[in-house]
Amino acid sequence: MTEFTEYASGTFCWVDLATTDAKAAKDFYTALFKWNATDVPAGDAGTYTMLQKGEKDVCALYQMTPDMYPPGTPPHWLSYVSVNDVDDYVAKVQTLGGKILHEPCDVMESGRMSLVQDPTGAAFALWQPKQHMGAQLANEPSTFSWNELHTTDVSAATAFYDGLFGWSTDKSMNAVGGDYFTFEEGDRQIGGMLEIQPDWGEIPPNWVVYFAVDDCDATIEHSKTLGATVEMMPMDIKGVGRFAILQDPQGAYFTIIQMNEGTDN
């Protein structure tokens, strides 16, 4: 069990799903990952559904409403980065050329957050924890295990995240032979980065969430019986594992990965 009681500032700590049909999404993900679901009242925001592996919080989902998002916004997973002072980081985002999509606000007693966008257009959340520090389990099957930036400008993204969090990048080869960049802080891997290619279609810059699974191919087959679409068939990453991209029945994309035995997530 990979249990967390805190996250270092500048590391991913939480993911949640904004969806057009919270009930259907809850049914899908609890069946796929064997999660439990607990609905938590969230004031004017309605209901925030905590998704749990056993009794440990691993992620969440909620119903999108017109006052939250512009018309036509698709369902999507959002990645959160833990920080020690949201307001301080929001100021840095602006000086580094990013945008503030939602000004800092307190989420009851759970924490303080802001939704921001990097200069290439990828959105993510800044999270200053109070009572909720983030996922209690991560980097094991049925939990989030990796966060990956798909961007149109690797150089601009590298400069932004270095300036904001102090992340450096290490270049290697991706599954199809192109460049893959790993964000690092010291000897700790934070996440990954790929440049969006023309043959991907009209994909906007975004942060992709990876969920670890015991068996990639079996999870794909199970997901299809639940109404998911396979966006990218499984591929092997040498020395890492086997992954695939799925789209849930409401339209949100996510990635699953089966790690090689003995490989750290």
C-alpha atoms as a PDB file:
ATOM      1  CA  MET A   1       0.000   0.000   0.000  1.00  0.00           C
ATOM      2  CA  THR A   2       1.384   3.413  -1.031  1.00  0.00           C
ATOM      3  CA  GLU A   3      -0.180   5.684   1.579  1.00  0.00           C
ATOM      4  CA  PHE A   4       0.353   9.435   1.847  1.00  0.00           C
ATOM      5  CA  THR A   5      -0.145  11.729   4.818  1.00  0.00           C
ATOM      6  CA  GLU A   6       1.282  14.839   3.120  1.00  0.00           C
ATOM      7  CA  TYR A   7       2.605  16.069  -0.225  1.00  0.00           C
ATOM      8  CA  ALA A   8       5.631  18.251  -0.766  1.00  0.00           C
ATOM      9  CA  SER A   9       4.940  21.670  -2.246  1.00  0.00           C
ATOM     10  CA  GLY A  10       5.261  21.491  -6.032  1.00  0.00           C
ATOM     11  CA  THR A  11       4.056  17.882  -6.387  1.00  0.00           C
ATOM     12  CA  PHE A  12       0.780  16.493  -7.720  1.00  0.00           C
ATOM     13  CA  CYS A  13      -1.560  15.586  -4.888  1.00  0.00           C
ATOM     14  CA  TRP A  14      -5.087  15.099  -6.239  1.00  0.00           C
ATOM     15  CA  VAL A  15      -7.218  14.601  -9.350  1.00  0.00           C
ATOM     16  CA  ASP A  16     -10.923  15.054  -9.884  1.00  0.00           C
ATOM     17  CA  LEU A  17     -13.427  14.670 -12.692  1.00  0.00           C
ATOM     18  CA  ALA A  18     -15.813  17.360 -13.904  1.00  0.00           C
ATOM     19  CA  THR A  19     -18.583  15.516 -15.747  1.00  0.00           C
ATOM     20  CA  THR A  20     -21.944  16.109 -17.393  1.00  0.00           C
ATOM     21  CA  ASP A  21     -23.577  13.130 -15.656  1.00  0.00           C
ATOM     22  CA  ALA A  22     -22.240  12.539 -12.154  1.00  0.00           C
ATOM     23  CA  LYS A  23     -24.436   9.530 -11.445  1.00  0.00           C
ATOM     24  CA  ALA A  24     -23.461   7.708 -14.642  1.00  0.00           C
ATOM     25  CA  ALA A  25     -19.781   8.579 -14.141  1.00  0.00           C
ATOM     26  CA  LYS A  26     -19.939   7.288 -10.576  1.00  0.00           C
ATOM     27  CA  ASP A  27     -21.423   4.015 -11.808  1.00  0.00           C
ATOM     28  CA  PHE A  28     -18.743   3.682 -14.487  1.00  0.00           C
ATOM     29  CA  TYR A  29     -15.659   4.375 -12.359  1.00  0.00           C
ATOM     30  CA  THR A  30     -16.768   2.423  -9.309  1.00  0.00           C
ATOM     31  CA  ALA A  31     -17.370  -0.593 -11.556  1.00  0.00           C
ATOM     32  CA  LEU A  32     -14.093  -0.162 -13.451  1.00  0.00           C
ATOM     33  CA  PHE A  33     -11.723   0.468 -10.538  1.00  0.00           C
ATOM     34  CA  LYS A  34     -13.749  -1.115  -7.709  1.00  0.00           C
ATOM     35  CA  TRP A  35     -13.909   2.232  -5.937  1.00  0.00           C
ATOM     36  CA  ASN A  36     -16.370   3.144  -3.208  1.00  0.00           C
ATOM     37  CA  ALA A  37     -18.215   6.448  -3.543  1.00  0.00           C
ATOM     38  CA  THR A  38     -19.244   8.884  -0.814  1.00  0.00           C
ATOM     39  CA  ASP A  39     -21.304  11.971  -1.662  1.00  0.00           C
ATOM     40  CA  VAL A  40     -20.228  15.041   0.294  1.00  0.00           C
ATOM     41  CA  PRO A  41     -22.351  18.236   0.416  1.00  0.00           C
ATOM     42  CA  ALA A  42     -20.407  21.100  -1.166  1.00  0.00           C
ATOM     43  CA  GLY A  43     -22.616  24.120  -0.499  1.00  0.00           C
ATOM     44  CA  ASP A  44     -23.500  26.129  -3.599  1.00  0.00           C
ATOM     45  CA  ALA A  45     -21.377  23.743  -5.692  1.00  0.00           C
ATOM     46  CA  GLY A  46     -23.799  20.900  -5.003  1.00  0.00           C
ATOM     47  CA  THR A  47     -22.267  17.499  -4.291  1.00  0.00           C
ATOM     48  CA  TYR A  48     -18.643  16.422  -4.374  1.00  0.00           C
ATOM     49  CA  THR A  49     -18.311  12.646  -4.662  1.00  0.00           C
ATOM     50  CA  MET A  50     -15.215  11.244  -2.977  1.00  0.00           C
ATOM     51  CA  LEU A  51     -13.954   8.057  -4.632  1.00  0.00           C
ATOM     52  CA  GLN A  52     -12.189   5.634  -2.357  1.00  0.00           C
ATOM     53  CA  LYS A  53     -10.098   2.499  -2.528  1.00  0.00           C
ATOM     54  CA  GLY A  54     -11.192   0.702   0.586  1.00  0.00           C
ATOM     55  CA  GLU A  55     -11.585   3.538   3.057  1.00  0.00           C
ATOM     56  CA  LYS A  56      -8.877   5.761   1.560  1.00  0.00           C
ATOM     57  CA  ASP A  57      -9.672   8.781  -0.645  1.00  0.00           C
ATOM     58  CA  VAL A  58      -8.061   8.480  -4.074  1.00  0.00           C
ATOM     59  CA  CYS A  59      -9.889  11.061  -6.253  1.00  0.00           C
ATOM     60  CA  ALA A  60     -13.310  12.639  -6.762  1.00  0.00           C
ATOM     61  CA  LEU A  61     -15.952  13.699  -9.286  1.00  0.00           C
ATOM     62  CA  TYR A  62     -18.702  16.277  -9.527  1.00  0.00           C
ATOM     63  CA  GLN A  63     -21.473  17.488 -11.820  1.00  0.00           C
ATOM     64  CA  MET A  64     -20.603  20.310 -14.206  1.00  0.00           C
ATOM     65  CA  THR A  65     -23.044  23.240 -14.141  1.00  0.00           C
ATOM     66  CA  PRO A  66     -23.403  26.253 -16.483  1.00  0.00           C
ATOM     67  CA  ASP A  67     -22.172  28.667 -13.820  1.00  0.00           C
ATOM     68  CA  MET A  68     -18.965  26.646 -13.409  1.00  0.00           C
ATOM     69  CA  TYR A  69     -17.917  26.212 -17.039  1.00  0.00           C
ATOM     70  CA  PRO A  70     -18.585  27.905 -20.406  1.00  0.00           C
ATOM     71  CA  PRO A  71     -21.103  26.117 -22.664  1.00  0.00           C
ATOM     72  CA  GLY A  72     -19.508  23.273 -24.615  1.00  0.00           C
ATOM     73  CA  THR A  73     -16.771  22.528 -22.079  1.00  0.00           C
ATOM     74  CA  PRO A  74     -16.221  18.757 -22.293  1.00  0.00           C
ATOM     75  CA  PRO A  75     -15.964  16.458 -19.270  1.00  0.00           C
ATOM     76  CA  HIS A  76     -12.377  16.287 -18.100  1.00  0.00           C
ATOM     77  CA  TRP A  77     -10.000  15.171 -15.351  1.00  0.00           C
ATOM     78  CA  LEU A  78      -8.125  17.947 -13.533  1.00  0.00           C
ATOM     79  CA  SER A  79      -4.717  17.621 -11.851  1.00  0.00           C
ATOM     80  CA  TYR A  80      -3.910  19.473  -8.606  1.00  0.00           C
ATOM     81  CA  VAL A  81      -0.444  20.578  -7.461  1.00  0.00           C
ATOM     82  CA  SER A  82       0.120  21.007  -3.734  1.00  0.00           C
ATOM     83  CA  VAL A  83       1.579  24.393  -2.727  1.00  0.00           C
ATOM     84  CA  ASN A  84       2.290  26.091   0.573  1.00  0.00           C
ATOM     85  CA  ASP A  85       0.700  29.435  -0.415  1.00  0.00           C
ATOM     86  CA  VAL A  86      -1.835  29.588  -3.259  1.00  0.00           C
ATOM     87  CA  ASP A  87      -1.874  33.388  -3.436  1.00  0.00           C
ATOM     88  CA  ASP A  88       1.892  33.559  -3.770  1.00  0.00           C
ATOM     89  CA  TYR A  89       1.883  31.019  -6.612  1.00  0.00           C
ATOM     90  CA  VAL A  90      -0.979  32.788  -8.398  1.00  0.00           C
ATOM     91  CA  ALA A  91       1.152  35.927  -8.511  1.00  0.00           C
ATOM     92  CA  LYS A  92       4.017  33.877  -9.983  1.00  0.00           C
ATOM     93  CA  VAL A  93       1.715  32.356 -12.629  1.00  0.00           C
ATOM     94  CA  GLN A  94       0.866  35.823 -13.890  1.00  0.00           C
ATOM     95  CA  THR A  95       4.457  37.051 -13.986  1.00  0.00           C
ATOM     96  CA  LEU A  96       5.439  33.919 -15.945  1.00  0.00           C
ATOM     97  CA  GLY A  97       2.811  34.463 -18.632  1.00  0.00           C
ATOM     98  CA  GLY A  98       0.103  32.127 -17.355  1.00  0.00           C
ATOM     99  CA  LYS A  99      -3.566  32.940 -16.777  1.00  0.00           C
ATOM    100  CA  ILE A 100      -5.809  32.798 -13.739  1.00  0.00           C
ATOM    101  CA  LEU A 101      -9.017  30.982 -14.655  1.00  0.00           C
ATOM    102  CA  HIS A 102     -10.424  31.034 -11.129  1.00  0.00           C
ATOM    103  CA  GLU A 103      -9.146  33.377  -8.436  1.00  0.00           C
ATOM    104  CA  PRO A 104      -7.971  31.838  -5.154  1.00  0.00           C
ATOM    105  CA  CYS A 105     -10.834  30.755  -2.912  1.00  0.00           C
ATOM    106  CA  ASP A 106     -11.330  28.738   0.239  1.00  0.00           C
ATOM    107  CA  VAL A 107     -13.002  25.348  -0.173  1.00  0.00           C
ATOM    108  CA  MET A 108     -14.716  25.283   3.210  1.00  0.00           C
ATOM    109  CA  GLU A 109     -12.203  23.787   5.679  1.00  0.00           C
ATOM    110  CA  SER A 110     -10.602  21.472   3.112  1.00  0.00           C
ATOM    111  CA  GLY A 111      -8.095  23.906   1.619  1.00  0.00           C
ATOM    112  CA  ARG A 112      -7.562  26.895  -0.628  1.00  0.00           C
ATOM    113  CA  MET A 113      -7.367  26.586  -4.404  1.00  0.00           C
ATOM    114  CA  SER A 114      -7.020  28.401  -7.699  1.00  0.00           C
ATOM    115  CA  LEU A 115      -7.502  27.189 -11.269  1.00  0.00           C
ATOM    116  CA  VAL A 116      -4.721  28.397 -13.553  1.00  0.00           C
ATOM    117  CA  GLN A 117      -3.491  27.912 -17.101  1.00  0.00           C
ATOM    118  CA  ASP A 118       0.065  27.710 -18.378  1.00  0.00           C
ATOM    119  CA  PRO A 119       1.177  29.897 -21.351  1.00  0.00           C
ATOM    120  CA  THR A 120       0.472  27.049 -23.813  1.00  0.00           C
ATOM    121  CA  GLY A 121      -3.134  26.649 -22.641  1.00  0.00           C
ATOM    122  CA  ALA A 122      -3.030  23.654 -20.271  1.00  0.00           C
ATOM    123  CA  ALA A 123      -5.102  24.074 -17.106  1.00  0.00           C
ATOM    124  CA  PHE A 124      -4.300  22.726 -13.649  1.00  0.00           C
ATOM    125  CA  ALA A 125      -5.199  23.565 -10.068  1.00  0.00           C
ATOM    126  CA  LEU A 126      -3.073  24.905  -7.247  1.00  0.00           C
ATOM    127  CA  TRP A 127      -4.038  23.413  -3.885  1.00  0.00           C
ATOM    128  CA  GLN A 128      -3.059  24.708  -0.446  1.00  0.00           C
ATOM    129  CA  PRO A 129      -4.130  21.941   1.940  1.00  0.00           C
ATOM    130  CA  LYS A 130      -5.951  22.397   5.218  1.00  0.00           C
ATOM    131  CA  GLN A 131      -8.056  19.421   6.319  1.00  0.00           C
ATOM    132  CA  HIS A 132      -7.729  17.721   2.902  1.00  0.00           C
ATOM    133  CA  MET A 133      -4.122  17.176   1.860  1.00  0.00           C
ATOM    134  CA  GLY A 134      -4.932  15.137  -1.275  1.00  0.00           C
ATOM    135  CA  ALA A 135      -5.074  11.467  -2.211  1.00  0.00           C
ATOM    136  CA  GLN A 136      -4.482   9.146   0.710  1.00  0.00           C
ATOM    137  CA  LEU A 137      -3.337   6.441  -1.705  1.00  0.00           C
ATOM    138  CA  ALA A 138      -1.421   6.890  -4.973  1.00  0.00           C
ATOM    139  CA  ASN A 139       1.054   5.062  -7.218  1.00  0.00           C
ATOM    140  CA  GLU A 140      -0.647   1.680  -6.882  1.00  0.00           C
ATOM    141  CA  PRO A 141      -3.412  -0.111  -8.829  1.00  0.00           C
ATOM    142  CA  SER A 142      -6.723   1.785  -8.929  1.00  0.00           C
ATOM    143  CA  THR A 143      -5.108   5.094  -7.966  1.00  0.00           C
ATOM    144  CA  PHE A 144      -3.568   7.941  -9.962  1.00  0.00           C
ATOM    145  CA  SER A 145       0.079   7.259 -10.680  1.00  0.00           C
ATOM    146  CA  TRP A 146       1.315   9.874 -13.161  1.00  0.00           C
ATOM    147  CA  ASN A 147       0.445  13.292 -14.599  1.00  0.00           C
ATOM    148  CA  GLU A 148       1.536  14.154 -18.120  1.00  0.00           C
ATOM    149  CA  LEU A 149       1.445  17.437 -20.001  1.00  0.00           C
ATOM    150  CA  HIS A 150       0.515  17.417 -23.684  1.00  0.00           C
ATOM    151  CA  THR A 151       1.561  20.771 -25.101  1.00  0.00           C
ATOM    152  CA  THR A 152       2.136  22.643 -28.336  1.00  0.00           C
ATOM    153  CA  ASP A 153       5.281  24.388 -27.073  1.00  0.00           C
ATOM    154  CA  VAL A 154       7.743  22.340 -25.050  1.00  0.00           C
ATOM    155  CA  SER A 155      10.168  25.226 -24.596  1.00  0.00           C
ATOM    156  CA  ALA A 156       7.531  27.626 -23.274  1.00  0.00           C
ATOM    157  CA  ALA A 157       6.113  24.975 -20.948  1.00  0.00           C
ATOM    158  CA  THR A 158       9.576  24.062 -19.657  1.00  0.00           C
ATOM    159  CA  ALA A 159      10.367  27.682 -18.825  1.00  0.00           C
ATOM    160  CA  PHE A 160       6.993  28.213 -17.128  1.00  0.00           C
ATOM    161  CA  TYR A 161       7.105  25.171 -14.830  1.00  0.00           C
ATOM    162  CA  ASP A 162      10.769  25.748 -14.003  1.00  0.00           C
ATOM    163  CA  GLY A 163       9.961  29.309 -13.021  1.00  0.00           C
ATOM    164  CA  LEU A 164       6.840  28.358 -11.069  1.00  0.00           C
ATOM    165  CA  PHE A 165       7.892  25.182  -9.258  1.00  0.00           C
ATOM    166  CA  GLY A 166      11.616  24.835  -9.960  1.00  0.00           C
ATOM    167  CA  TRP A 167      11.087  21.732 -12.096  1.00  0.00           C
ATOM    168  CA  SER A 168      13.899  20.737 -14.443  1.00  0.00           C
ATOM    169  CA  THR A 169      13.427  18.426 -17.449  1.00  0.00           C
ATOM    170  CA  ASP A 170      15.157  15.266 -18.569  1.00  0.00           C
ATOM    171  CA  LYS A 171      14.728  14.111 -22.174  1.00  0.00           C
ATOM    172  CA  SER A 172      14.315  10.483 -23.203  1.00  0.00           C
ATOM    173  CA  MET A 173      12.410   8.522 -25.874  1.00  0.00           C
ATOM    174  CA  ASN A 174       8.651   7.943 -25.864  1.00  0.00           C
ATOM    175  CA  ALA A 175       6.800   4.763 -26.859  1.00  0.00           C
ATOM    176  CA  VAL A 176       6.836   5.616 -30.590  1.00  0.00           C
ATOM    177  CA  GLY A 177      10.389   6.906 -30.775  1.00  0.00           C
ATOM    178  CA  GLY A 178       9.889  10.642 -30.284  1.00  0.00           C
ATOM    179  CA  ASP A 179      11.060  12.880 -27.459  1.00  0.00           C
ATOM    180  CA  TYR A 180       9.676  12.449 -23.968  1.00  0.00           C
ATOM    181  CA  PHE A 181      10.402  14.915 -21.203  1.00  0.00           C
ATOM    182  CA  THR A 182      10.275  14.136 -17.491  1.00  0.00           C
ATOM    183  CA  PHE A 183       9.735  16.968 -15.030  1.00  0.00           C
ATOM    184  CA  GLU A 184      12.035  16.559 -12.042  1.00  0.00           C
ATOM    185  CA  GLU A 185      12.833  18.292  -8.791  1.00  0.00           C
ATOM    186  CA  GLY A 186      16.174  17.091  -7.566  1.00  0.00           C
ATOM    187  CA  ASP A 187      16.082  13.290  -7.836  1.00  0.00           C
ATOM    188  CA  ARG A 188      12.261  13.169  -7.655  1.00  0.00           C
ATOM    189  CA  GLN A 189      10.164  12.694 -10.793  1.00  0.00           C
ATOM    190  CA  ILE A 190       7.143  15.005 -10.826  1.00  0.00           C
ATOM    191  CA  GLY A 191       5.438  14.248 -14.151  1.00  0.00           C
ATOM    192  CA  GLY A 192       5.955  13.974 -17.890  1.00  0.00           C
ATOM    193  CA  MET A 193       5.580  16.060 -21.047  1.00  0.00           C
ATOM    194  CA  LEU A 194       4.929  15.325 -24.719  1.00  0.00           C
ATOM    195  CA  GLU A 195       4.620  17.663 -27.677  1.00  0.00           C
ATOM    196  CA  ILE A 196       1.254  17.379 -29.432  1.00  0.00           C
ATOM    197  CA  GLN A 197       1.754  15.985 -32.929  1.00  0.00           C
ATOM    198  CA  PRO A 198      -0.254  16.930 -36.067  1.00  0.00           C
ATOM    199  CA  ASP A 199      -1.622  13.394 -36.478  1.00  0.00           C
ATOM    200  CA  TRP A 200      -3.245  13.574 -33.024  1.00  0.00           C
ATOM    201  CA  GLY A 201      -5.991  15.818 -34.396  1.00  0.00           C
ATOM    202  CA  GLU A 202      -7.289  18.973 -32.738  1.00  0.00           C
ATOM    203  CA  ILE A 203      -6.188  18.307 -29.169  1.00  0.00           C
ATOM    204  CA  PRO A 204      -5.755  21.358 -26.927  1.00  0.00           C
ATOM    205  CA  PRO A 205      -2.858  21.447 -24.456  1.00  0.00           C
ATOM    206  CA  ASN A 206      -3.863  19.555 -21.320  1.00  0.00           C
ATOM    207  CA  TRP A 207      -2.645  17.625 -18.300  1.00  0.00           C
ATOM    208  CA  VAL A 208      -3.411  13.897 -18.663  1.00  0.00           C
ATOM    209  CA  VAL A 209      -4.126  11.661 -15.655  1.00  0.00           C
ATOM    210  CA  TYR A 210      -2.752   8.103 -15.527  1.00  0.00           C
ATOM    211  CA  PHE A 211      -4.381   5.441 -13.351  1.00  0.00           C
ATOM    212  CA  ALA A 212      -2.383   2.329 -12.474  1.00  0.00           C
ATOM    213  CA  VAL A 213      -3.990  -1.069 -13.129  1.00  0.00           C
ATOM    214  CA  ASP A 214      -2.980  -4.680 -12.551  1.00  0.00           C
ATOM    215  CA  ASP A 215      -3.732  -5.747 -16.153  1.00  0.00           C
ATOM    216  CA  CYS A 216      -3.965  -3.192 -18.968  1.00  0.00           C
ATOM    217  CA  ASP A 217      -5.668  -5.438 -21.519  1.00  0.00           C
ATOM    218  CA  ALA A 218      -8.190  -6.874 -19.061  1.00  0.00           C
ATOM    219  CA  THR A 219      -9.066  -3.353 -17.885  1.00  0.00           C
ATOM    220  CA  ILE A 220      -9.645  -2.283 -21.491  1.00  0.00           C
ATOM    221  CA  GLU A 221     -12.035  -5.170 -22.109  1.00  0.00           C
ATOM    222  CA  HIS A 222     -13.869  -4.446 -18.867  1.00  0.00           C
ATOM    223  CA  SER A 223     -14.128  -0.738 -19.702  1.00  0.00           C
ATOM    224  CA  LYS A 224     -15.726  -1.517 -23.065  1.00  0.00           C
ATOM    225  CA  THR A 225     -18.478  -3.533 -21.397  1.00  0.00           C
ATOM    226  CA  LEU A 226     -19.173  -0.439 -19.264  1.00  0.00           C
ATOM    227  CA  GLY A 227     -19.478   1.859 -22.298  1.00  0.00           C
ATOM    228  CA  ALA A 228     -15.950   3.248 -22.608  1.00  0.00           C
ATOM    229  CA  THR A 229     -14.179   3.905 -25.902  1.00  0.00           C
ATOM    230  CA  VAL A 230     -10.572   2.925 -26.558  1.00  0.00           C
ATOM    231  CA  GLU A 231      -8.927   6.069 -27.891  1.00  0.00           C
ATOM    232  CA  MET A 232      -5.490   4.485 -28.236  1.00  0.00           C
ATOM    233  CA  MET A 233      -4.852   0.749 -28.203  1.00  0.00           C
ATOM    234  CA  PRO A 234      -2.324  -0.560 -25.669  1.00  0.00           C
ATOM    235  CA  MET A 235       1.360   0.078 -26.240  1.00  0.00           C
ATOM    236  CA  ASP A 236       4.454  -0.986 -24.334  1.00  0.00           C
ATOM    237  CA  ILE A 237       6.945   1.489 -22.912  1.00  0.00           C
ATOM    238  CA  LYS A 238      10.317  -0.200 -22.662  1.00  0.00           C
ATOM    239  CA  GLY A 239      11.357  -0.568 -19.062  1.00  0.00           C
ATOM    240  CA  VAL A 240       8.166   1.017 -17.745  1.00  0.00           C
ATOM    241  CA  GLY A 241       4.949  -0.815 -18.576  1.00  0.00           C
ATOM    242  CA  ARG A 242       1.923  -1.082 -20.873  1.00  0.00           C
ATOM    243  CA  PHE A 243      -0.573   1.751 -21.315  1.00  0.00           C
ATOM    244  CA  ALA A 244      -3.683   2.766 -23.228  1.00  0.00           C
ATOM    245  CA  ILE A 245      -5.912   5.834 -23.545  1.00  0.00           C
ATOM    246  CA  LEU A 246      -9.617   5.473 -22.783  1.00  0.00           C
ATOM    247  CA  GLN A 247     -12.639   7.757 -23.002  1.00  0.00           C
ATOM    248  CA  ASP A 248     -15.394   7.319 -20.451  1.00  0.00           C
ATOM    249  CA  PRO A 249     -19.079   7.206 -21.536  1.00  0.00           C
ATOM    250  CA  GLN A 250     -19.499  10.939 -20.830  1.00  0.00           C
ATOM    251  CA  GLY A 251     -16.445  11.875 -22.915  1.00  0.00           C
ATOM    252  CA  ALA A 252     -13.598  12.388 -20.426  1.00  0.00           C
ATOM    253  CA  TYR A 253     -10.221  10.972 -21.448  1.00  0.00           C
ATOM    254  CA  PHE A 254      -7.860   9.179 -19.074  1.00  0.00           C
ATOM    255  CA  THR A 255      -4.898   6.821 -19.358  1.00  0.00           C
ATOM    256  CA  ILE A 256      -4.378   3.455 -17.718  1.00  0.00           C
ATOM    257  CA  ILE A 257      -0.979   1.906 -17.179  1.00  0.00           C
ATOM    258  CA  GLN A 258       0.213  -1.515 -16.068  1.00  0.00           C
ATOM    259  CA  MET A 259       3.631  -1.020 -14.568  1.00  0.00           C
ATOM    260  CA  ASN A 260       6.368  -3.603 -15.152  1.00  0.00           C
ATOM    261  CA  GLU A 261       7.041  -5.688 -12.070  1.00  0.00           C
ATOM    262  CA  GLY A 262       9.631  -3.991  -9.914  1.00  0.00           C
ATOM    263  CA  THR A 263       9.139  -0.586 -11.588  1.00  0.00           C
ATOM    264  CA  ASP A 264       8.375   2.356  -9.347  1.00  0.00           C
ATOM    265  CA  ASN A 265       5.464   4.515 -10.492  1.00  0.00           C
END
